[in-house]
Protein backbone atom coordinates (compact mmCIF):
# COMPACT_ATOMS: atom_id res chain seq x y z
CA MET A 1 0.90 17.31 -3.31
CA ALA A 2 0.81 14.25 -5.55
CA GLY A 3 -2.43 12.34 -5.90
CA ASN A 4 -3.57 8.86 -6.73
CA ILE A 5 -1.75 6.69 -9.22
CA VAL A 6 -4.11 5.05 -11.72
CA ILE A 7 -2.93 2.16 -13.87
CA THR A 8 -4.91 0.83 -16.84
CA GLY A 9 -3.98 -1.57 -19.57
CA ASN A 10 -3.80 -5.24 -20.35
CA LEU A 11 -1.73 -8.39 -20.13
CA THR A 12 -1.88 -10.76 -23.10
CA CYS A 13 -0.74 -14.34 -22.64
CA THR A 14 -0.51 -17.24 -25.02
CA PRO A 15 -3.10 -20.02 -24.93
CA GLY A 16 -0.38 -22.19 -23.37
CA ASP A 17 0.01 -19.74 -20.46
CA LEU A 18 -3.71 -19.12 -19.91
CA ALA A 19 -4.26 -21.80 -17.26
CA MET A 20 -1.13 -20.74 -15.34
CA VAL A 21 -2.11 -17.05 -15.37
CA SER A 22 -5.68 -17.86 -14.33
CA ALA A 23 -4.45 -20.06 -11.46
CA ALA A 24 -1.86 -17.55 -10.18
CA LEU A 25 -4.02 -14.45 -10.49
CA PRO A 26 -6.21 -14.81 -7.35
CA GLU A 27 -3.17 -14.89 -5.03
CA HIS A 28 -1.59 -11.93 -6.83
CA ILE A 29 -4.82 -9.96 -6.40
CA ARG A 30 -5.14 -10.98 -2.73
CA LEU A 31 -1.58 -9.94 -1.91
CA THR A 32 -1.92 -6.65 -3.77
CA MET A 33 -5.22 -5.75 -2.11
CA ALA A 34 -3.52 -6.29 1.28
CA GLU A 35 -0.80 -3.75 0.49
CA PRO A 36 -0.91 -0.40 2.28
CA GLY A 37 -2.04 2.25 -0.17
CA CYS A 38 -3.86 -0.04 -2.59
CA ILE A 39 -7.30 1.44 -3.25
CA SER A 40 -8.40 -1.00 -5.94
CA PHE A 41 -6.83 -3.73 -8.02
CA VAL A 42 -8.80 -5.48 -10.75
CA ILE A 43 -7.51 -7.87 -13.40
CA VAL A 44 -10.23 -9.62 -15.39
CA PRO A 45 -10.37 -11.60 -18.63
CA ALA A 46 -11.33 -9.48 -21.62
CA PRO A 47 -14.73 -10.71 -22.86
CA GLU A 48 -13.70 -10.65 -26.53
CA ALA A 49 -10.20 -12.12 -26.09
CA PRO A 50 -9.80 -14.99 -23.60
CA CYS A 51 -5.99 -14.68 -23.41
CA ARG A 52 -6.08 -10.96 -22.65
CA PHE A 53 -6.65 -9.64 -19.14
CA GLU A 54 -7.80 -6.07 -18.54
CA ILE A 55 -6.00 -4.24 -15.75
CA ALA A 56 -7.34 -1.40 -13.57
CA GLU A 57 -5.39 -0.39 -10.48
CA ARG A 58 -5.44 2.58 -8.10
CA PHE A 59 -2.93 3.46 -5.40
CA VAL A 60 -3.00 6.40 -2.95
CA SER A 61 0.43 7.69 -3.99
CA ARG A 62 3.50 7.12 -6.12
CA ALA A 63 5.23 5.68 -3.04
CA ALA A 64 2.44 3.11 -2.58
CA PHE A 65 2.64 2.16 -6.26
CA ASP A 66 6.44 1.90 -6.11
CA ALA A 67 6.15 -0.40 -3.08
CA HIS A 68 3.65 -2.52 -5.01
CA SER A 69 6.00 -2.72 -7.99
CA ALA A 70 8.90 -3.79 -5.79
CA ARG A 71 6.82 -6.46 -4.04
CA THR A 72 5.46 -7.73 -7.34
CA LYS A 73 8.92 -8.05 -8.91
CA ALA A 74 9.98 -10.24 -5.96
CA SER A 75 6.84 -12.41 -6.10
CA GLU A 76 5.89 -15.80 -7.46
CA TRP A 77 3.50 -13.99 -9.83
CA TRP A 78 6.42 -12.18 -11.46
CA LYS A 79 8.48 -15.36 -11.71
CA LEU A 80 5.61 -16.97 -13.59
CA THR A 81 4.51 -14.03 -15.75
CA ALA A 82 7.50 -11.73 -16.38
CA HIS A 83 7.71 -12.99 -19.96
CA ILE A 84 4.09 -12.04 -20.75
CA PRO A 85 3.60 -8.77 -22.64
CA ARG A 86 1.81 -5.96 -20.84
CA GLU A 87 0.50 -2.67 -22.17
CA ILE A 88 0.22 -0.29 -19.24
CA GLN A 89 -0.70 3.36 -18.90
CA LEU A 90 0.07 5.23 -15.67
CA ILE A 91 -1.73 8.46 -14.76
CA GLU A 92 -1.10 10.56 -11.70
CA GLU A 93 -4.33 12.27 -10.64
């Protein structure tokens, strides 16, 4: 049986997008944490790079992660941030 899905990585915005990302992030986190199957969801500014945000997510299954991805791609967060580069690693435990 498949296990947890763990996502790590970062999102790096431009200085011009920093205020928008910072303002939109709390709602994105709130909505994600309310999703069934979300164990943890953390996106925080990188201490050494103010325009980079470190990502650490955990979902109970691939299905829960896929549902999260679908919801995110239909969200205001995605409308605002789709153009921002992300480096993401996905591990199935």
